Amino acid sequence: MFRNTARFLDALFVIAGGLLVHWMRFSTPIALSDTERLLIAFNCVLVLLMFPGFGVYKP
């Protein structure tokens, strides 16, 4: 259960971080271009695939 929650939170933090950085840079909170949405989604997939491979969720 911990691993699933941690994985969900990691993906959520990637999305929140992308939105926060966009807001800080461009001062528009939600007006993301298609490229920015694609990059955030790509980073979420990378986090979900790479973190277990590096043993991030092992106690």
PDB file of N, CA and C in Angstrom:
ATOM      1  N   MET A   1       0.827  -1.196   0.000  1.00  0.00           N
ATOM      2  CA  MET A   1       0.000   0.000   0.000  1.00  0.00           C
ATOM      3  C   MET A   1       0.866   1.252   0.000  1.00  0.00           C
ATOM      4  N   PHE A   2       1.951   1.224   0.781  1.00  0.00           N
ATOM      5  CA  PHE A   2       2.835   2.385   0.829  1.00  0.00           C
ATOM      6  C   PHE A   2       3.426   2.693  -0.541  1.00  0.00           C
ATOM      7  N   ARG A   3       3.824   1.639  -1.261  1.00  0.00           N
ATOM      8  CA  ARG A   3       4.443   1.852  -2.570  1.00  0.00           C
ATOM      9  C   ARG A   3       3.482   2.504  -3.549  1.00  0.00           C
ATOM     10  N   ASN A   4       2.232   2.051  -3.564  1.00  0.00           N
ATOM     11  CA  ASN A   4       1.252   2.637  -4.486  1.00  0.00           C
ATOM     12  C   ASN A   4       0.966   4.088  -4.138  1.00  0.00           C
ATOM     13  N   THR A   5       0.847   4.377  -2.847  1.00  0.00           N
ATOM     14  CA  THR A   5       0.613   5.754  -2.417  1.00  0.00           C
ATOM     15  C   THR A   5       1.807   6.633  -2.770  1.00  0.00           C
ATOM     16  N   ALA A   6       3.010   6.134  -2.535  1.00  0.00           N
ATOM     17  CA  ALA A   6       4.218   6.904  -2.839  1.00  0.00           C
ATOM     18  C   ALA A   6       4.340   7.150  -4.341  1.00  0.00           C
ATOM     19  N   ARG A   7       4.024   6.156  -5.143  1.00  0.00           N
ATOM     20  CA  ARG A   7       4.095   6.337  -6.598  1.00  0.00           C
ATOM     21  C   ARG A   7       3.077   7.371  -7.069  1.00  0.00           C
ATOM     22  N   PHE A   8       1.863   7.301  -6.518  1.00  0.00           N
ATOM     23  CA  PHE A   8       0.830   8.287  -6.876  1.00  0.00           C
ATOM     24  C   PHE A   8       1.273   9.687  -6.478  1.00  0.00           C
ATOM     25  N   LEU A   9       1.818   9.830  -5.270  1.00  0.00           N
ATOM     26  CA  LEU A   9       2.265  11.144  -4.815  1.00  0.00           C
ATOM     27  C   LEU A   9       3.436  11.657  -5.644  1.00  0.00           C
ATOM     28  N   ASP A  10       4.339  10.786  -6.039  1.00  0.00           N
ATOM     29  CA  ASP A  10       5.458  11.217  -6.878  1.00  0.00           C
ATOM     30  C   ASP A  10       4.960  11.775  -8.215  1.00  0.00           C
ATOM     31  N   ALA A  11       4.016  11.081  -8.831  1.00  0.00           N
ATOM     32  CA  ALA A  11       3.457  11.585 -10.092  1.00  0.00           C
ATOM     33  C   ALA A  11       2.710  12.894  -9.866  1.00  0.00           C
ATOM     34  N   LEU A  12       1.988  12.986  -8.762  1.00  0.00           N
ATOM     35  CA  LEU A  12       1.261  14.213  -8.437  1.00  0.00           C
ATOM     36  C   LEU A  12       2.221  15.378  -8.226  1.00  0.00           C
ATOM     37  N   PHE A  13       3.355  15.120  -7.574  1.00  0.00           N
ATOM     38  CA  PHE A  13       4.341  16.177  -7.349  1.00  0.00           C
ATOM     39  C   PHE A  13       5.008  16.620  -8.648  1.00  0.00           C
ATOM     40  N   VAL A  14       5.172  15.714  -9.595  1.00  0.00           N
ATOM     41  CA  VAL A  14       5.717  16.094 -10.896  1.00  0.00           C
ATOM     42  C   VAL A  14       4.749  17.050 -11.600  1.00  0.00           C
ATOM     43  N   ILE A  15       3.464  16.726 -11.555  1.00  0.00           N
ATOM     44  CA  ILE A  15       2.455  17.597 -12.165  1.00  0.00           C
ATOM     45  C   ILE A  15       2.414  18.941 -11.459  1.00  0.00           C
ATOM     46  N   ALA A  16       2.374  18.916 -10.124  1.00  0.00           N
ATOM     47  CA  ALA A  16       2.333  20.169  -9.359  1.00  0.00           C
ATOM     48  C   ALA A  16       3.583  20.999  -9.594  1.00  0.00           C
ATOM     49  N   GLY A  17       4.731  20.351  -9.678  1.00  0.00           N
ATOM     50  CA  GLY A  17       5.976  21.068  -9.943  1.00  0.00           C
ATOM     51  C   GLY A  17       5.981  21.708 -11.317  1.00  0.00           C
ATOM     52  N   GLY A  18       5.471  21.000 -12.309  1.00  0.00           N
ATOM     53  CA  GLY A  18       5.392  21.564 -13.656  1.00  0.00           C
ATOM     54  C   GLY A  18       4.480  22.773 -13.714  1.00  0.00           C
ATOM     55  N   LEU A  19       3.335  22.672 -13.034  1.00  0.00           N
ATOM     56  CA  LEU A  19       2.409  23.815 -13.005  1.00  0.00           C
ATOM     57  C   LEU A  19       2.996  24.996 -12.231  1.00  0.00           C
ATOM     58  N   LEU A  20       3.670  24.706 -11.132  1.00  0.00           N
ATOM     59  CA  LEU A  20       4.274  25.771 -10.327  1.00  0.00           C
ATOM     60  C   LEU A  20       5.377  26.494 -11.100  1.00  0.00           C
ATOM     61  N   VAL A  21       6.224  25.736 -11.760  1.00  0.00           N
ATOM     62  CA  VAL A  21       7.311  26.341 -12.540  1.00  0.00           C
ATOM     63  C   VAL A  21       6.747  27.169 -13.688  1.00  0.00           C
ATOM     64  N   HIS A  22       5.708  26.662 -14.340  1.00  0.00           N
ATOM     65  CA  HIS A  22       5.077  27.423 -15.432  1.00  0.00           C
ATOM     66  C   HIS A  22       4.495  28.721 -14.898  1.00  0.00           C
ATOM     67  N   TRP A  23       3.823  28.648 -13.766  1.00  0.00           N
ATOM     68  CA  TRP A  23       3.237  29.854 -13.176  1.00  0.00           C
ATOM     69  C   TRP A  23       4.325  30.857 -12.788  1.00  0.00           C
ATOM     70  N   MET A  24       5.427  30.368 -12.202  1.00  0.00           N
ATOM     71  CA  MET A  24       6.505  31.275 -11.796  1.00  0.00           C
ATOM     72  C   MET A  24       7.164  31.938 -13.009  1.00  0.00           C
ATOM     73  N   ARG A  25       7.282  31.219 -14.094  1.00  0.00           N
ATOM     74  CA  ARG A  25       7.966  31.745 -15.269  1.00  0.00           C
ATOM     75  C   ARG A  25       7.077  32.649 -16.111  1.00  0.00           C
ATOM     76  N   PHE A  26       5.817  32.249 -16.326  1.00  0.00           N
ATOM     77  CA  PHE A  26       4.959  32.960 -17.268  1.00  0.00           C
ATOM     78  C   PHE A  26       3.796  33.702 -16.620  1.00  0.00           C
ATOM     79  N   SER A  27       3.602  33.565 -15.333  1.00  0.00           N
ATOM     80  CA  SER A  27       2.528  34.237 -14.578  1.00  0.00           C
ATOM     81  C   SER A  27       1.129  33.888 -15.091  1.00  0.00           C
ATOM     82  N   THR A  28       0.987  32.713 -15.686  1.00  0.00           N
ATOM     83  CA  THR A  28      -0.328  32.205 -16.072  1.00  0.00           C
ATOM     84  C   THR A  28      -0.452  30.791 -15.508  1.00  0.00           C
ATOM     85  N   PRO A  29      -1.394  30.564 -14.627  1.00  0.00           N
ATOM     86  CA  PRO A  29      -1.399  29.297 -13.892  1.00  0.00           C
ATOM     87  C   PRO A  29      -1.745  28.061 -14.718  1.00  0.00           C
ATOM     88  N   ILE A  30      -2.700  28.114 -15.627  1.00  0.00           N
ATOM     89  CA  ILE A  30      -3.175  26.879 -16.246  1.00  0.00           C
ATOM     90  C   ILE A  30      -3.038  26.885 -17.766  1.00  0.00           C
ATOM     91  N   ALA A  31      -2.599  27.951 -18.374  1.00  0.00           N
ATOM     92  CA  ALA A  31      -2.552  28.042 -19.834  1.00  0.00           C
ATOM     93  C   ALA A  31      -1.316  27.328 -20.377  1.00  0.00           C
ATOM     94  N   LEU A  32      -1.321  25.997 -20.306  1.00  0.00           N
ATOM     95  CA  LEU A  32      -0.190  25.218 -20.805  1.00  0.00           C
ATOM     96  C   LEU A  32      -0.370  24.916 -22.289  1.00  0.00           C
ATOM     97  N   SER A  33       0.728  24.933 -22.999  1.00  0.00           N
ATOM     98  CA  SER A  33       0.672  24.541 -24.406  1.00  0.00           C
ATOM     99  C   SER A  33       0.654  23.014 -24.494  1.00  0.00           C
ATOM    100  N   ASP A  34       0.385  22.504 -25.676  1.00  0.00           N
ATOM    101  CA  ASP A  34       0.369  21.053 -25.864  1.00  0.00           C
ATOM    102  C   ASP A  34       1.735  20.438 -25.592  1.00  0.00           C
ATOM    103  N   THR A  35       2.783  21.139 -25.962  1.00  0.00           N
ATOM    104  CA  THR A  35       4.137  20.644 -25.726  1.00  0.00           C
ATOM    105  C   THR A  35       4.425  20.536 -24.236  1.00  0.00           C
ATOM    106  N   GLU A  36       4.011  21.537 -23.472  1.00  0.00           N
ATOM    107  CA  GLU A  36       4.245  21.504 -22.026  1.00  0.00           C
ATOM    108  C   GLU A  36       3.454  20.382 -21.367  1.00  0.00           C
ATOM    109  N   ARG A  37       2.230  20.175 -21.801  1.00  0.00           N
ATOM    110  CA  ARG A  37       1.435  19.061 -21.265  1.00  0.00           C
ATOM    111  C   ARG A  37       2.090  17.725 -21.591  1.00  0.00           C
ATOM    112  N   LEU A  38       2.590  17.599 -22.802  1.00  0.00           N
ATOM    113  CA  LEU A  38       3.245  16.363 -23.208  1.00  0.00           C
ATOM    114  C   LEU A  38       4.504  16.112 -22.383  1.00  0.00           C
ATOM    115  N   LEU A  39       5.276  17.155 -22.136  1.00  0.00           N
ATOM    116  CA  LEU A  39       6.499  16.997 -21.351  1.00  0.00           C
ATOM    117  C   LEU A  39       6.197  16.630 -19.899  1.00  0.00           C
ATOM    118  N   ILE A  40       5.175  17.218 -19.316  1.00  0.00           N
ATOM    119  CA  ILE A  40       4.795  16.868 -17.949  1.00  0.00           C
ATOM    120  C   ILE A  40       4.330  15.416 -17.895  1.00  0.00           C
ATOM    121  N   ALA A  41       3.530  14.995 -18.869  1.00  0.00           N
ATOM    122  CA  ALA A  41       3.076  13.601 -18.911  1.00  0.00           C
ATOM    123  C   ALA A  41       4.264  12.649 -19.105  1.00  0.00           C
ATOM    124  N   PHE A  42       5.193  13.016 -19.963  1.00  0.00           N
ATOM    125  CA  PHE A  42       6.383  12.208 -20.192  1.00  0.00           C
ATOM    126  C   PHE A  42       7.199  12.065 -18.912  1.00  0.00           C
ATOM    127  N   ASN A  43       7.347  13.159 -18.177  1.00  0.00           N
ATOM    128  CA  ASN A  43       8.089  13.107 -16.915  1.00  0.00           C
ATOM    129  C   ASN A  43       7.374  12.238 -15.883  1.00  0.00           C
ATOM    130  N   CYS A  44       6.051  12.274 -15.859  1.00  0.00           N
ATOM    131  CA  CYS A  44       5.299  11.395 -14.948  1.00  0.00           C
ATOM    132  C   CYS A  44       5.570   9.934 -15.277  1.00  0.00           C
ATOM    133  N   VAL A  45       5.551   9.606 -16.561  1.00  0.00           N
ATOM    134  CA  VAL A  45       5.825   8.222 -16.974  1.00  0.00           C
ATOM    135  C   VAL A  45       7.246   7.831 -16.599  1.00  0.00           C
ATOM    136  N   LEU A  46       8.198   8.720 -16.812  1.00  0.00           N
ATOM    137  CA  LEU A  46       9.580   8.428 -16.436  1.00  0.00           C
ATOM    138  C   LEU A  46       9.710   8.163 -14.940  1.00  0.00           C
ATOM    139  N   VAL A  47       9.054   8.985 -14.123  1.00  0.00           N
ATOM    140  CA  VAL A  47       9.107   8.794 -12.674  1.00  0.00           C
ATOM    141  C   VAL A  47       8.511   7.445 -12.301  1.00  0.00           C
ATOM    142  N   LEU A  48       7.372   7.099 -12.900  1.00  0.00           N
ATOM    143  CA  LEU A  48       6.712   5.844 -12.564  1.00  0.00           C
ATOM    144  C   LEU A  48       7.514   4.634 -13.029  1.00  0.00           C
ATOM    145  N   LEU A  49       8.302   4.769 -14.083  1.00  0.00           N
ATOM    146  CA  LEU A  49       9.102   3.655 -14.573  1.00  0.00           C
ATOM    147  C   LEU A  49      10.489   3.584 -13.943  1.00  0.00           C
ATOM    148  N   MET A  50      11.097   4.730 -13.695  1.00  0.00           N
ATOM    149  CA  MET A  50      12.494   4.746 -13.249  1.00  0.00           C
ATOM    150  C   MET A  50      12.665   4.581 -11.743  1.00  0.00           C
ATOM    151  N   PHE A  51      11.797   5.184 -10.954  1.00  0.00           N
ATOM    152  CA  PHE A  51      11.970   5.119  -9.506  1.00  0.00           C
ATOM    153  C   PHE A  51      11.963   3.695  -8.969  1.00  0.00           C
ATOM    154  N   PRO A  52      11.035   2.828  -9.389  1.00  0.00           N
ATOM    155  CA  PRO A  52      11.106   1.443  -8.893  1.00  0.00           C
ATOM    156  C   PRO A  52      12.383   0.733  -9.350  1.00  0.00           C
ATOM    157  N   GLY A  53      12.861   1.058 -10.525  1.00  0.00           N
ATOM    158  CA  GLY A  53      14.090   0.450 -11.028  1.00  0.00           C
ATOM    159  C   GLY A  53      15.311   0.814 -10.204  1.00  0.00           C
ATOM    160  N   PHE A  54      15.311   1.992  -9.617  1.00  0.00           N
ATOM    161  CA  PHE A  54      16.416   2.440  -8.773  1.00  0.00           C
ATOM    162  C   PHE A  54      16.214   2.073  -7.305  1.00  0.00           C
ATOM    163  N   GLY A  55      15.117   1.408  -6.999  1.00  0.00           N
ATOM    164  CA  GLY A  55      14.878   0.960  -5.626  1.00  0.00           C
ATOM    165  C   GLY A  55      14.414   2.052  -4.676  1.00  0.00           C
ATOM    166  N   VAL A  56      13.762   3.057  -5.192  1.00  0.00           N
ATOM    167  CA  VAL A  56      13.314   4.172  -4.355  1.00  0.00           C
ATOM    168  C   VAL A  56      12.263   3.724  -3.364  1.00  0.00           C
ATOM    169  N   TYR A  57      11.425   2.753  -3.723  1.00  0.00           N
ATOM    170  CA  TYR A  57      10.309   2.367  -2.863  1.00  0.00           C
ATOM    171  C   TYR A  57      10.618   1.177  -1.963  1.00  0.00           C
ATOM    172  N   LYS A  58      11.824   0.704  -1.955  1.00  0.00           N
ATOM    173  CA  LYS A  58      12.183  -0.415  -1.080  1.00  0.00           C
ATOM    174  C   LYS A  58      12.445   0.119   0.326  1.00  0.00           C
ATOM    175  N   PRO A  59      11.914  -0.580   1.321  1.00  0.00           N
ATOM    176  CA  PRO A  59      12.147  -0.109   2.712  1.00  0.00           C
ATOM    177  C   PRO A  59      13.564  -0.350   3.172  1.00  0.00           C
TER     178      PRO A  59
END
